[in-house]
Amino acid sequence: CLVRILANHKDFYHQKSAIEELLLARGHKCLFLPKFHCKLNLIKIFETTKKEVIKALDACFINTLRRFYNRALRFMDAYRKGLSVKQAAWAVKKQKGHRVISEEIMKEFDSILRVDQVDELT
């Protein structure tokens, strides 16, 4: 079809509308959004998502959130110390009490483990 051929031609495809050219000539950025539709309303989507997040967080016990937070801190500390994913998982499993991986565990890790031995322990 001739209309499709012309529409796919780069001269027509890359041609900006008169409004867009006017705005760009005056130094403004132009963003075209689709026409209003209730499912594309970003404010409504944001508000709905916010309510769902609040419901999900209210459904969690505070102790569960604290355990997850402390575990995440231990993983971040292990990655900061240069451990791989499997090494970090082993160190976090071994460490239970603090938010960071202790020096004793790092010394133990250095003395008994090589990178290829972590698979056997997990």
PDB file of N, CA and C in Angstrom:
ATOM      1  N   CYS A   1       0.845  -1.179   0.000  1.00  0.00           N
ATOM      2  CA  CYS A   1       0.000   0.000   0.000  1.00  0.00           C
ATOM      3  C   CYS A   1       0.890   1.243   0.000  1.00  0.00           C
ATOM      4  N   LEU A   2       0.546   2.216  -0.803  1.00  0.00           N
ATOM      5  CA  LEU A   2       1.349   3.429  -0.947  1.00  0.00           C
ATOM      6  C   LEU A   2       1.423   4.223   0.351  1.00  0.00           C
ATOM      7  N   VAL A   3       0.347   4.260   1.110  1.00  0.00           N
ATOM      8  CA  VAL A   3       0.340   5.005   2.374  1.00  0.00           C
ATOM      9  C   VAL A   3       1.363   4.412   3.337  1.00  0.00           C
ATOM     10  N   ARG A   4       1.415   3.093   3.416  1.00  0.00           N
ATOM     11  CA  ARG A   4       2.371   2.429   4.308  1.00  0.00           C
ATOM     12  C   ARG A   4       3.808   2.675   3.848  1.00  0.00           C
ATOM     13  N   ILE A   5       4.045   2.626   2.558  1.00  0.00           N
ATOM     14  CA  ILE A   5       5.392   2.883   2.036  1.00  0.00           C
ATOM     15  C   ILE A   5       5.831   4.298   2.385  1.00  0.00           C
ATOM     16  N   LEU A   6       4.951   5.271   2.173  1.00  0.00           N
ATOM     17  CA  LEU A   6       5.295   6.657   2.507  1.00  0.00           C
ATOM     18  C   LEU A   6       5.476   6.841   4.016  1.00  0.00           C
ATOM     19  N   ALA A   7       4.648   6.182   4.804  1.00  0.00           N
ATOM     20  CA  ALA A   7       4.747   6.324   6.258  1.00  0.00           C
ATOM     21  C   ALA A   7       6.061   5.760   6.777  1.00  0.00           C
ATOM     22  N   ASN A   8       6.581   4.717   6.129  1.00  0.00           N
ATOM     23  CA  ASN A   8       7.836   4.122   6.569  1.00  0.00           C
ATOM     24  C   ASN A   8       9.060   4.782   5.959  1.00  0.00           C
ATOM     25  N   HIS A   9       8.866   5.694   5.030  1.00  0.00           N
ATOM     26  CA  HIS A   9       9.993   6.396   4.425  1.00  0.00           C
ATOM     27  C   HIS A   9      10.599   7.331   5.456  1.00  0.00           C
ATOM     28  N   LYS A  10      11.942   7.376   5.524  1.00  0.00           N
ATOM     29  CA  LYS A  10      12.569   8.115   6.613  1.00  0.00           C
ATOM     30  C   LYS A  10      12.293   9.615   6.558  1.00  0.00           C
ATOM     31  N   ASP A  11      12.047  10.184   5.377  1.00  0.00           N
ATOM     32  CA  ASP A  11      11.712  11.613   5.320  1.00  0.00           C
ATOM     33  C   ASP A  11      10.393  11.897   6.028  1.00  0.00           C
ATOM     34  N   PHE A  12       9.440  11.017   5.885  1.00  0.00           N
ATOM     35  CA  PHE A  12       8.153  11.195   6.558  1.00  0.00           C
ATOM     36  C   PHE A  12       8.225  10.736   8.013  1.00  0.00           C
ATOM     37  N   TYR A  13       8.962   9.661   8.241  1.00  0.00           N
ATOM     38  CA  TYR A  13       9.026   9.085   9.580  1.00  0.00           C
ATOM     39  C   TYR A  13       9.713  10.030  10.561  1.00  0.00           C
ATOM     40  N   HIS A  14      10.776  10.695  10.137  1.00  0.00           N
ATOM     41  CA  HIS A  14      11.536  11.571  11.024  1.00  0.00           C
ATOM     42  C   HIS A  14      11.063  13.020  10.990  1.00  0.00           C
ATOM     43  N   GLN A  15      10.040  13.318  10.209  1.00  0.00           N
ATOM     44  CA  GLN A  15       9.525  14.679  10.141  1.00  0.00           C
ATOM     45  C   GLN A  15       8.795  15.025  11.431  1.00  0.00           C
ATOM     46  N   LYS A  16       9.154  16.165  12.024  1.00  0.00           N
ATOM     47  CA  LYS A  16       8.504  16.606  13.257  1.00  0.00           C
ATOM     48  C   LYS A  16       7.292  17.455  12.904  1.00  0.00           C
ATOM     49  N   SER A  17       6.332  17.458  13.806  1.00  0.00           N
ATOM     50  CA  SER A  17       5.137  18.264  13.578  1.00  0.00           C
ATOM     51  C   SER A  17       5.482  19.745  13.718  1.00  0.00           C
ATOM     52  N   ALA A  18       4.585  20.606  13.234  1.00  0.00           N
ATOM     53  CA  ALA A  18       4.823  22.051  13.281  1.00  0.00           C
ATOM     54  C   ALA A  18       4.930  22.542  14.726  1.00  0.00           C
ATOM     55  N   ILE A  19       4.102  22.000  15.613  1.00  0.00           N
ATOM     56  CA  ILE A  19       4.154  22.406  17.027  1.00  0.00           C
ATOM     57  C   ILE A  19       5.488  21.996  17.640  1.00  0.00           C
ATOM     58  N   GLU A  20       5.938  20.772  17.341  1.00  0.00           N
ATOM     59  CA  GLU A  20       7.200  20.293  17.895  1.00  0.00           C
ATOM     60  C   GLU A  20       8.370  21.125  17.382  1.00  0.00           C
ATOM     61  N   GLU A  21       8.368  21.461  16.094  1.00  0.00           N
ATOM     62  CA  GLU A  21       9.441  22.291  15.539  1.00  0.00           C
ATOM     63  C   GLU A  21       9.447  23.677  16.168  1.00  0.00           C
ATOM     64  N   LEU A  22       8.263  24.263  16.393  1.00  0.00           N
ATOM     65  CA  LEU A  22       8.169  25.582  17.016  1.00  0.00           C
ATOM     66  C   LEU A  22       8.714  25.551  18.441  1.00  0.00           C
ATOM     67  N   LEU A  23       8.322  24.539  19.213  1.00  0.00           N
ATOM     68  CA  LEU A  23       8.800  24.431  20.592  1.00  0.00           C
ATOM     69  C   LEU A  23      10.310  24.209  20.649  1.00  0.00           C
ATOM     70  N   LEU A  24      10.824  23.346  19.794  1.00  0.00           N
ATOM     71  CA  LEU A  24      12.259  23.087  19.781  1.00  0.00           C
ATOM     72  C   LEU A  24      13.044  24.314  19.338  1.00  0.00           C
ATOM     73  N   ALA A  25      12.492  25.083  18.402  1.00  0.00           N
ATOM     74  CA  ALA A  25      13.161  26.306  17.949  1.00  0.00           C
ATOM     75  C   ALA A  25      13.263  27.333  19.064  1.00  0.00           C
ATOM     76  N   ARG A  26      12.310  27.319  19.989  1.00  0.00           N
ATOM     77  CA  ARG A  26      12.330  28.261  21.115  1.00  0.00           C
ATOM     78  C   ARG A  26      13.065  27.702  22.334  1.00  0.00           C
ATOM     79  N   GLY A  27      13.657  26.513  22.187  1.00  0.00           N
ATOM     80  CA  GLY A  27      14.474  25.958  23.253  1.00  0.00           C
ATOM     81  C   GLY A  27      13.734  25.136  24.284  1.00  0.00           C
ATOM     82  N   HIS A  28      12.508  24.726  23.984  1.00  0.00           N
ATOM     83  CA  HIS A  28      11.736  23.911  24.921  1.00  0.00           C
ATOM     84  C   HIS A  28      11.776  22.454  24.488  1.00  0.00           C
ATOM     85  N   LYS A  29      11.589  21.569  25.440  1.00  0.00           N
ATOM     86  CA  LYS A  29      11.477  20.151  25.120  1.00  0.00           C
ATOM     87  C   LYS A  29      10.007  19.804  24.962  1.00  0.00           C
ATOM     88  N   CYS A  30       9.736  18.848  24.098  1.00  0.00           N
ATOM     89  CA  CYS A  30       8.357  18.487  23.803  1.00  0.00           C
ATOM     90  C   CYS A  30       8.166  16.998  24.049  1.00  0.00           C
ATOM     91  N   LEU A  31       7.154  16.665  24.829  1.00  0.00           N
ATOM     92  CA  LEU A  31       6.834  15.273  25.118  1.00  0.00           C
ATOM     93  C   LEU A  31       5.365  15.051  24.795  1.00  0.00           C
ATOM     94  N   PHE A  32       5.098  14.166  23.847  1.00  0.00           N
ATOM     95  CA  PHE A  32       3.725  13.867  23.476  1.00  0.00           C
ATOM     96  C   PHE A  32       3.273  12.607  24.198  1.00  0.00           C
ATOM     97  N   LEU A  33       2.191  12.702  24.906  1.00  0.00           N
ATOM     98  CA  LEU A  33       1.605  11.575  25.618  1.00  0.00           C
ATOM     99  C   LEU A  33       0.335  11.140  24.909  1.00  0.00           C
ATOM    100  N   PRO A  34      -0.089   9.900  25.108  1.00  0.00           N
ATOM    101  CA  PRO A  34      -1.331   9.459  24.466  1.00  0.00           C
ATOM    102  C   PRO A  34      -2.528  10.214  25.027  1.00  0.00           C
ATOM    103  N   LYS A  35      -3.616  10.191  24.279  1.00  0.00           N
ATOM    104  CA  LYS A  35      -4.831  10.844  24.748  1.00  0.00           C
ATOM    105  C   LYS A  35      -5.268  10.231  26.061  1.00  0.00           C
ATOM    106  N   PHE A  36      -6.041  10.977  26.832  1.00  0.00           N
ATOM    107  CA  PHE A  36      -6.439  10.531  28.161  1.00  0.00           C
ATOM    108  C   PHE A  36      -7.196   9.220  28.095  1.00  0.00           C
ATOM    109  N   HIS A  37      -6.783   8.317  28.933  1.00  0.00           N
ATOM    110  CA  HIS A  37      -7.479   7.057  29.113  1.00  0.00           C
ATOM    111  C   HIS A  37      -7.324   6.692  30.575  1.00  0.00           C
ATOM    112  N   CYS A  38      -8.356   6.170  31.182  1.00  0.00           N
ATOM    113  CA  CYS A  38      -8.324   5.918  32.623  1.00  0.00           C
ATOM    114  C   CYS A  38      -7.203   4.962  33.023  1.00  0.00           C
ATOM    115  N   LYS A  39      -6.833   4.035  32.149  1.00  0.00           N
ATOM    116  CA  LYS A  39      -5.762   3.102  32.486  1.00  0.00           C
ATOM    117  C   LYS A  39      -4.383   3.712  32.274  1.00  0.00           C
ATOM    118  N   LEU A  40      -4.301   4.851  31.611  1.00  0.00           N
ATOM    119  CA  LEU A  40      -3.021   5.513  31.379  1.00  0.00           C
ATOM    120  C   LEU A  40      -2.832   6.731  32.273  1.00  0.00           C
ATOM    121  N   ASN A  41      -3.718   6.946  33.203  1.00  0.00           N
ATOM    122  CA  ASN A  41      -3.623   8.087  34.105  1.00  0.00           C
ATOM    123  C   ASN A  41      -2.533   7.804  35.138  1.00  0.00           C
ATOM    124  N   LEU A  42      -1.398   8.486  35.013  1.00  0.00           N
ATOM    125  CA  LEU A  42      -0.250   8.199  35.862  1.00  0.00           C
ATOM    126  C   LEU A  42      -0.520   8.506  37.330  1.00  0.00           C
ATOM    127  N   ILE A  43      -1.300   9.532  37.606  1.00  0.00           N
ATOM    128  CA  ILE A  43      -1.603   9.874  38.998  1.00  0.00           C
ATOM    129  C   ILE A  43      -2.396   8.744  39.642  1.00  0.00           C
ATOM    130  N   LYS A  44      -3.371   8.215  38.911  1.00  0.00           N
ATOM    131  CA  LYS A  44      -4.181   7.122  39.449  1.00  0.00           C
ATOM    132  C   LYS A  44      -3.332   5.867  39.639  1.00  0.00           C
ATOM    133  N   ILE A  45      -2.458   5.584  38.683  1.00  0.00           N
ATOM    134  CA  ILE A  45      -1.573   4.422  38.798  1.00  0.00           C
ATOM    135  C   ILE A  45      -0.667   4.569  40.016  1.00  0.00           C
ATOM    136  N   PHE A  46      -0.104   5.760  40.217  1.00  0.00           N
ATOM    137  CA  PHE A  46       0.776   6.000  41.359  1.00  0.00           C
ATOM    138  C   PHE A  46       0.029   5.827  42.674  1.00  0.00           C
ATOM    139  N   GLU A  47      -1.153   6.416  42.769  1.00  0.00           N
ATOM    140  CA  GLU A  47      -1.932   6.320  44.010  1.00  0.00           C
ATOM    141  C   GLU A  47      -2.311   4.873  44.311  1.00  0.00           C
ATOM    142  N   THR A  48      -2.703   4.128  43.283  1.00  0.00           N
ATOM    143  CA  THR A  48      -3.064   2.723  43.476  1.00  0.00           C
ATOM    144  C   THR A  48      -1.858   1.920  43.942  1.00  0.00           C
ATOM    145  N   THR A  49      -0.720   2.144  43.308  1.00  0.00           N
ATOM    146  CA  THR A  49       0.497   1.432  43.693  1.00  0.00           C
ATOM    147  C   THR A  49       0.905   1.781  45.110  1.00  0.00           C
ATOM    148  N   LYS A  50       0.779   3.053  45.474  1.00  0.00           N
ATOM    149  CA  LYS A  50       1.136   3.484  46.828  1.00  0.00           C
ATOM    150  C   LYS A  50       0.272   2.763  47.860  1.00  0.00           C
ATOM    151  N   LYS A  51      -1.029   2.666  47.596  1.00  0.00           N
ATOM    152  CA  LYS A  51      -1.926   1.978  48.526  1.00  0.00           C
ATOM    153  C   LYS A  51      -1.587   0.494  48.627  1.00  0.00           C
ATOM    154  N   GLU A  52      -1.237  -0.132  47.501  1.00  0.00           N
ATOM    155  CA  GLU A  52      -0.886  -1.549  47.517  1.00  0.00           C
ATOM    156  C   GLU A  52       0.402  -1.797  48.297  1.00  0.00           C
ATOM    157  N   VAL A  53       1.370  -0.897  48.165  1.00  0.00           N
ATOM    158  CA  VAL A  53       2.626  -1.040  48.909  1.00  0.00           C
ATOM    159  C   VAL A  53       2.366  -0.909  50.401  1.00  0.00           C
ATOM    160  N   ILE A  54       1.547   0.049  50.783  1.00  0.00           N
ATOM    161  CA  ILE A  54       1.223   0.233  52.202  1.00  0.00           C
ATOM    162  C   ILE A  54       0.527  -1.009  52.749  1.00  0.00           C
ATOM    163  N   LYS A  55      -0.416  -1.578  51.975  1.00  0.00           N
ATOM    164  CA  LYS A  55      -1.097  -2.806  52.410  1.00  0.00           C
ATOM    165  C   LYS A  55      -0.106  -3.961  52.559  1.00  0.00           C
ATOM    166  N   ALA A  56       0.803  -4.083  51.599  1.00  0.00           N
ATOM    167  CA  ALA A  56       1.777  -5.177  51.644  1.00  0.00           C
ATOM    168  C   ALA A  56       2.707  -5.031  52.841  1.00  0.00           C
ATOM    169  N   LEU A  57       3.145  -3.810  53.114  1.00  0.00           N
ATOM    170  CA  LEU A  57       4.028  -3.598  54.263  1.00  0.00           C
ATOM    171  C   LEU A  57       3.291  -3.810  55.577  1.00  0.00           C
ATOM    172  N   ASP A  58       2.024  -3.429  55.629  1.00  0.00           N
ATOM    173  CA  ASP A  58       1.238  -3.657  56.843  1.00  0.00           C
ATOM    174  C   ASP A  58       1.005  -5.149  57.092  1.00  0.00           C
ATOM    175  N   ALA A  59       1.021  -5.947  56.029  1.00  0.00           N
ATOM    176  CA  ALA A  59       0.802  -7.385  56.178  1.00  0.00           C
ATOM    177  C   ALA A  59       2.034  -8.099  56.725  1.00  0.00           C
ATOM    178  N   CYS A  60       3.205  -7.452  56.649  1.00  0.00           N
ATOM    179  CA  CYS A  60       4.441  -8.068  57.141  1.00  0.00           C
ATOM    180  C   CYS A  60       4.626  -7.773  58.620  1.00  0.00           C
ATOM    181  N   PHE A  61       5.150  -8.746  59.332  1.00  0.00           N
ATOM    182  CA  PHE A  61       5.493  -8.534  60.727  1.00  0.00           C
ATOM    183  C   PHE A  61       6.766  -7.698  60.803  1.00  0.00           C
ATOM    184  N   ILE A  62       6.871  -6.877  61.830  1.00  0.00           N
ATOM    185  CA  ILE A  62       8.032  -6.002  61.975  1.00  0.00           C
ATOM    186  C   ILE A  62       9.310  -6.811  62.161  1.00  0.00           C
ATOM    187  N   ASN A  63       9.213  -7.962  62.830  1.00  0.00           N
ATOM    188  CA  ASN A  63      10.399  -8.806  63.011  1.00  0.00           C
ATOM    189  C   ASN A  63      10.905  -9.359  61.681  1.00  0.00           C
ATOM    190  N   THR A  64       9.990  -9.680  60.775  1.00  0.00           N
ATOM    191  CA  THR A  64      10.385 -10.152  59.450  1.00  0.00           C
ATOM    192  C   THR A  64      11.118  -9.062  58.690  1.00  0.00           C
ATOM    193  N   LEU A  65      10.600  -7.843  58.755  1.00  0.00           N
ATOM    194  CA  LEU A  65      11.254  -6.721  58.084  1.00  0.00           C
ATOM    195  C   LEU A  65      12.637  -6.468  58.672  1.00  0.00           C
ATOM    196  N   ARG A  66      12.763  -6.548  59.989  1.00  0.00           N
ATOM    197  CA  ARG A  66      14.064  -6.329  60.633  1.00  0.00           C
ATOM    198  C   ARG A  66      15.064  -7.409  60.234  1.00  0.00           C
ATOM    199  N   ARG A  67      14.615  -8.670  60.198  1.00  0.00           N
ATOM    200  CA  ARG A  67      15.522  -9.751  59.787  1.00  0.00           C
ATOM    201  C   ARG A  67      15.986  -9.556  58.344  1.00  0.00           C
ATOM    202  N   PHE A  68      15.050  -9.182  57.463  1.00  0.00           N
ATOM    203  CA  PHE A  68      15.414  -8.941  56.068  1.00  0.00           C
ATOM    204  C   PHE A  68      16.409  -7.789  55.957  1.00  0.00           C
ATOM    205  N   TYR A  69      16.170  -6.722  56.704  1.00  0.00           N
ATOM    206  CA  TYR A  69      17.047  -5.556  56.677  1.00  0.00           C
ATOM    207  C   TYR A  69      18.452  -5.935  57.149  1.00  0.00           C
ATOM    208  N   ASN A  70      18.549  -6.654  58.262  1.00  0.00           N
ATOM    209  CA  ASN A  70      19.858  -7.056  58.778  1.00  0.00           C
ATOM    210  C   ASN A  70      20.571  -8.000  57.820  1.00  0.00           C
ATOM    211  N   ARG A  71      19.826  -8.903  57.206  1.00  0.00           N
ATOM    212  CA  ARG A  71      20.428  -9.818  56.233  1.00  0.00           C
ATOM    213  C   ARG A  71      20.940  -9.040  55.018  1.00  0.00           C
ATOM    214  N   ALA A  72      20.164  -8.057  54.565  1.00  0.00           N
ATOM    215  CA  ALA A  72      20.599  -7.232  53.434  1.00  0.00           C
ATOM    216  C   ALA A  72      21.866  -6.462  53.787  1.00  0.00           C
ATOM    217  N   LEU A  73      21.959  -5.963  55.023  1.00  0.00           N
ATOM    218  CA  LEU A  73      23.172  -5.260  55.450  1.00  0.00           C
ATOM    219  C   LEU A  73      24.381  -6.192  55.444  1.00  0.00           C
ATOM    220  N   ARG A  74      24.195  -7.443  55.878  1.00  0.00           N
ATOM    221  CA  ARG A  74      25.308  -8.394  55.869  1.00  0.00           C
ATOM    222  C   ARG A  74      25.748  -8.699  54.442  1.00  0.00           C
ATOM    223  N   PHE A  75      24.791  -8.840  53.521  1.00  0.00           N
ATOM    224  CA  PHE A  75      25.156  -9.071  52.122  1.00  0.00           C
ATOM    225  C   PHE A  75      25.915  -7.871  51.553  1.00  0.00           C
ATOM    226  N   MET A  76      25.438  -6.662  51.844  1.00  0.00           N
ATOM    227  CA  MET A  76      26.131  -5.474  51.335  1.00  0.00           C
ATOM    228  C   MET A  76      27.554  -5.399  51.878  1.00  0.00           C
ATOM    229  N   ASP A  77      27.725  -5.730  53.152  1.00  0.00           N
ATOM    230  CA  ASP A  77      29.054  -5.708  53.743  1.00  0.00           C
ATOM    231  C   ASP A  77      29.955  -6.754  53.089  1.00  0.00           C
ATOM    232  N   ALA A  78      29.410  -7.935  52.822  1.00  0.00           N
ATOM    233  CA  ALA A  78      30.198  -8.987  52.174  1.00  0.00           C
ATOM    234  C   ALA A  78      30.621  -8.560  50.772  1.00  0.00           C
ATOM    235  N   TYR A  79      29.719  -7.959  50.012  1.00  0.00           N
ATOM    236  CA  TYR A  79      30.071  -7.482  48.669  1.00  0.00           C
ATOM    237  C   TYR A  79      31.096  -6.356  48.754  1.00  0.00           C
ATOM    238  N   ARG A  80      30.964  -5.502  49.754  1.00  0.00           N
ATOM    239  CA  ARG A  80      31.911  -4.406  49.942  1.00  0.00           C
ATOM    240  C   ARG A  80      33.312  -4.947  50.225  1.00  0.00           C
ATOM    241  N   LYS A  81      33.381  -6.099  50.884  1.00  0.00           N
ATOM    242  CA  LYS A  81      34.674  -6.713  51.204  1.00  0.00           C
ATOM    243  C   LYS A  81      35.216  -7.543  50.045  1.00  0.00           C
ATOM    244  N   GLY A  82      34.507  -7.564  48.931  1.00  0.00           N
ATOM    245  CA  GLY A  82      35.015  -8.199  47.721  1.00  0.00           C
ATOM    246  C   GLY A  82      34.645  -9.660  47.534  1.00  0.00           C
ATOM    247  N   LEU A  83      33.674 -10.158  48.264  1.00  0.00           N
ATOM    248  CA  LEU A  83      33.279 -11.556  48.117  1.00  0.00           C
ATOM    249  C   LEU A  83      32.370 -11.728  46.906  1.00  0.00           C
ATOM    250  N   SER A  84      32.412 -12.925  46.328  1.00  0.00           N
ATOM    251  CA  SER A  84      31.510 -13.222  45.213  1.00  0.00           C
ATOM    252  C   SER A  84      30.123 -13.533  45.771  1.00  0.00           C
ATOM    253  N   VAL A  85      29.189 -13.832  44.884  1.00  0.00           N
ATOM    254  CA  VAL A  85      27.814 -14.102  45.314  1.00  0.00           C
ATOM    255  C   VAL A  85      27.759 -15.339  46.212  1.00  0.00           C
ATOM    256  N   LYS A  86      28.399 -16.416  45.783  1.00  0.00           N
ATOM    257  CA  LYS A  86      28.371 -17.648  46.575  1.00  0.00           C
ATOM    258  C   LYS A  86      29.148 -17.489  47.876  1.00  0.00           C
ATOM    259  N   GLN A  87      30.268 -16.798  47.816  1.00  0.00           N
ATOM    260  CA  GLN A  87      31.045 -16.563  49.031  1.00  0.00           C
ATOM    261  C   GLN A  87      30.244 -15.729  50.022  1.00  0.00           C
ATOM    262  N   ALA A  88      29.562 -14.703  49.517  1.00  0.00           N
ATOM    263  CA  ALA A  88      28.752 -13.846  50.386  1.00  0.00           C
ATOM    264  C   ALA A  88      27.615 -14.642  51.012  1.00  0.00           C
ATOM    265  N   ALA A  89      26.977 -15.514  50.235  1.00  0.00           N
ATOM    266  CA  ALA A  89      25.882 -16.329  50.775  1.00  0.00           C
ATOM    267  C   ALA A  89      26.388 -17.228  51.897  1.00  0.00           C
ATOM    268  N   TRP A  90      27.577 -17.824  51.721  1.00  0.00           N
ATOM    269  CA  TRP A  90      28.141 -18.669  52.771  1.00  0.00           C
ATOM    270  C   TRP A  90      28.446 -17.849  54.017  1.00  0.00           C
ATOM    271  N   ALA A  91      29.072 -16.679  53.837  1.00  0.00           N
ATOM    272  CA  ALA A  91      29.446 -15.842  54.979  1.00  0.00           C
ATOM    273  C   ALA A  91      28.209 -15.337  55.722  1.00  0.00           C
ATOM    274  N   VAL A  92      27.165 -14.968  54.994  1.00  0.00           N
ATOM    275  CA  VAL A  92      25.936 -14.478  55.634  1.00  0.00           C
ATOM    276  C   VAL A  92      25.252 -15.610  56.388  1.00  0.00           C
ATOM    277  N   LYS A  93      25.279 -16.818  55.817  1.00  0.00           N
ATOM    278  CA  LYS A  93      24.677 -17.962  56.499  1.00  0.00           C
ATOM    279  C   LYS A  93      25.440 -18.288  57.784  1.00  0.00           C
ATOM    280  N   LYS A  94      26.752 -18.120  57.743  1.00  0.00           N
ATOM    281  CA  LYS A  94      27.592 -18.409  58.904  1.00  0.00           C
ATOM    282  C   LYS A  94      27.432 -17.337  59.980  1.00  0.00           C
ATOM    283  N   GLN A  95      27.292 -16.086  59.585  1.00  0.00           N
ATOM    284  CA  GLN A  95      27.199 -14.960  60.522  1.00  0.00           C
ATOM    285  C   GLN A  95      25.742 -14.744  60.899  1.00  0.00           C
ATOM    286  N   LYS A  96      25.438 -14.712  62.158  1.00  0.00           N
ATOM    287  CA  LYS A  96      24.049 -14.546  62.579  1.00  0.00           C
ATOM    288  C   LYS A  96      23.817 -13.294  63.413  1.00  0.00           C
ATOM    289  N   GLY A  97      24.815 -12.810  64.121  1.00  0.00           N
ATOM    290  CA  GLY A  97      24.544 -11.830  65.163  1.00  0.00           C
ATOM    291  C   GLY A  97      24.627 -10.373  64.799  1.00  0.00           C
ATOM    292  N   HIS A  98      25.439  -9.998  63.839  1.00  0.00           N
ATOM    293  CA  HIS A  98      25.693  -8.580  63.616  1.00  0.00           C
ATOM    294  C   HIS A  98      25.296  -8.181  62.207  1.00  0.00           C
ATOM    295  N   ARG A  99      25.338  -6.882  61.967  1.00  0.00           N
ATOM    296  CA  ARG A  99      24.950  -6.374  60.650  1.00  0.00           C
ATOM    297  C   ARG A  99      26.076  -6.463  59.642  1.00  0.00           C
ATOM    298  N   VAL A 100      27.288  -6.692  60.106  1.00  0.00           N
ATOM    299  CA  VAL A 100      28.431  -6.804  59.206  1.00  0.00           C
ATOM    300  C   VAL A 100      29.070  -8.174  59.403  1.00  0.00           C
ATOM    301  N   ILE A 101      29.820  -8.593  58.404  1.00  0.00           N
ATOM    302  CA  ILE A 101      30.535  -9.859  58.488  1.00  0.00           C
ATOM    303  C   ILE A 101      31.746  -9.642  59.387  1.00  0.00           C
ATOM    304  N   SER A 102      31.886 -10.469  60.422  1.00  0.00           N
ATOM    305  CA  SER A 102      32.960 -10.266  61.397  1.00  0.00           C
ATOM    306  C   SER A 102      34.315 -10.642  60.808  1.00  0.00           C
ATOM    307  N   GLU A 103      35.362 -10.119  61.439  1.00  0.00           N
ATOM    308  CA  GLU A 103      36.721 -10.413  61.000  1.00  0.00           C
ATOM    309  C   GLU A 103      37.049 -11.892  61.201  1.00  0.00           C
ATOM    310  N   GLU A 104      36.485 -12.499  62.245  1.00  0.00           N
ATOM    311  CA  GLU A 104      36.738 -13.921  62.496  1.00  0.00           C
ATOM    312  C   GLU A 104      36.237 -14.773  61.337  1.00  0.00           C
ATOM    313  N   ILE A 105      35.065 -14.436  60.835  1.00  0.00           N
ATOM    314  CA  ILE A 105      34.514 -15.196  59.706  1.00  0.00           C
ATOM    315  C   ILE A 105      35.353 -14.959  58.459  1.00  0.00           C
ATOM    316  N   MET A 106      35.811 -13.734  58.269  1.00  0.00           N
ATOM    317  CA  MET A 106      36.660 -13.453  57.110  1.00  0.00           C
ATOM    318  C   MET A 106      37.974 -14.230  57.217  1.00  0.00           C
ATOM    319  N   LYS A 107      38.557 -14.314  58.427  1.00  0.00           N
ATOM    320  CA  LYS A 107      39.797 -15.082  58.615  1.00  0.00           C
ATOM    321  C   LYS A 107      39.537 -16.563  58.375  1.00  0.00           C
ATOM    322  N   GLU A 108      38.418 -17.050  58.908  1.00  0.00           N
ATOM    323  CA  GLU A 108      38.053 -18.451  58.693  1.00  0.00           C
ATOM    324  C   GLU A 108      37.827 -18.711  57.212  1.00  0.00           C
ATOM    325  N   PHE A 109      37.187 -17.775  56.580  1.00  0.00           N
ATOM    326  CA  PHE A 109      36.906 -17.894  55.153  1.00  0.00           C
ATOM    327  C   PHE A 109      38.208 -17.953  54.365  1.00  0.00           C
ATOM    328  N   ASP A 110      39.155 -17.074  54.713  1.00  0.00           N
ATOM    329  CA  ASP A 110      40.437 -17.051  54.016  1.00  0.00           C
ATOM    330  C   ASP A 110      41.250 -18.317  54.272  1.00  0.00           C
ATOM    331  N   SER A 111      41.137 -18.878  55.478  1.00  0.00           N
ATOM    332  CA  SER A 111      41.981 -20.024  55.813  1.00  0.00           C
ATOM    333  C   SER A 111      41.445 -21.345  55.260  1.00  0.00           C
ATOM    334  N   ILE A 112      40.136 -21.531  55.232  1.00  0.00           N
ATOM    335  CA  ILE A 112      39.626 -22.848  54.832  1.00  0.00           C
ATOM    336  C   ILE A 112      38.987 -22.894  53.450  1.00  0.00           C
ATOM    337  N   LEU A 113      38.648 -21.755  52.915  1.00  0.00           N
ATOM    338  CA  LEU A 113      37.913 -21.784  51.651  1.00  0.00           C
ATOM    339  C   LEU A 113      38.714 -21.202  50.505  1.00  0.00           C
ATOM    340  N   ARG A 114      38.540 -21.840  49.377  1.00  0.00           N
ATOM    341  CA  ARG A 114      38.953 -21.237  48.127  1.00  0.00           C
ATOM    342  C   ARG A 114      37.659 -20.982  47.363  1.00  0.00           C
ATOM    343  N   VAL A 115      37.742 -20.269  46.301  1.00  0.00           N
ATOM    344  CA  VAL A 115      36.535 -19.912  45.548  1.00  0.00           C
ATOM    345  C   VAL A 115      35.780 -21.154  45.087  1.00  0.00           C
ATOM    346  N   ASP A 116      36.488 -22.209  44.684  1.00  0.00           N
ATOM    347  CA  ASP A 116      35.809 -23.399  44.168  1.00  0.00           C
ATOM    348  C   ASP A 116      35.248 -24.282  45.276  1.00  0.00           C
ATOM    349  N   GLN A 117      35.630 -24.087  46.539  1.00  0.00           N
ATOM    350  CA  GLN A 117      35.115 -24.903  47.626  1.00  0.00           C
ATOM    351  C   GLN A 117      33.787 -24.397  48.161  1.00  0.00           C
ATOM    352  N   VAL A 118      33.386 -23.194  47.811  1.00  0.00           N
ATOM    353  CA  VAL A 118      32.143 -22.639  48.333  1.00  0.00           C
ATOM    354  C   VAL A 118      30.955 -23.461  47.865  1.00  0.00           C
ATOM    355  N   ASP A 119      31.028 -24.021  46.654  1.00  0.00           N
ATOM    356  CA  ASP A 119      29.930 -24.835  46.136  1.00  0.00           C
ATOM    357  C   ASP A 119      29.663 -26.052  47.017  1.00  0.00           C
ATOM    358  N   GLU A 120      30.714 -26.620  47.590  1.00  0.00           N
ATOM    359  CA  GLU A 120      30.543 -27.806  48.418  1.00  0.00           C
ATOM    360  C   GLU A 120      29.849 -27.487  49.734  1.00  0.00           C
ATOM    361  N   LEU A 121      30.021 -26.266  50.251  1.00  0.00           N
ATOM    362  CA  LEU A 121      29.461 -25.911  51.548  1.00  0.00           C
ATOM    363  C   LEU A 121      28.023 -25.443  51.472  1.00  0.00           C
ATOM    364  N   THR A 122      27.593 -24.938  50.325  1.00  0.00           N
ATOM    365  CA  THR A 122      26.234 -24.397  50.233  1.00  0.00           C
ATOM    366  C   THR A 122      25.241 -25.424  49.805  1.00  0.00           C
TER     367      THR A 122
END
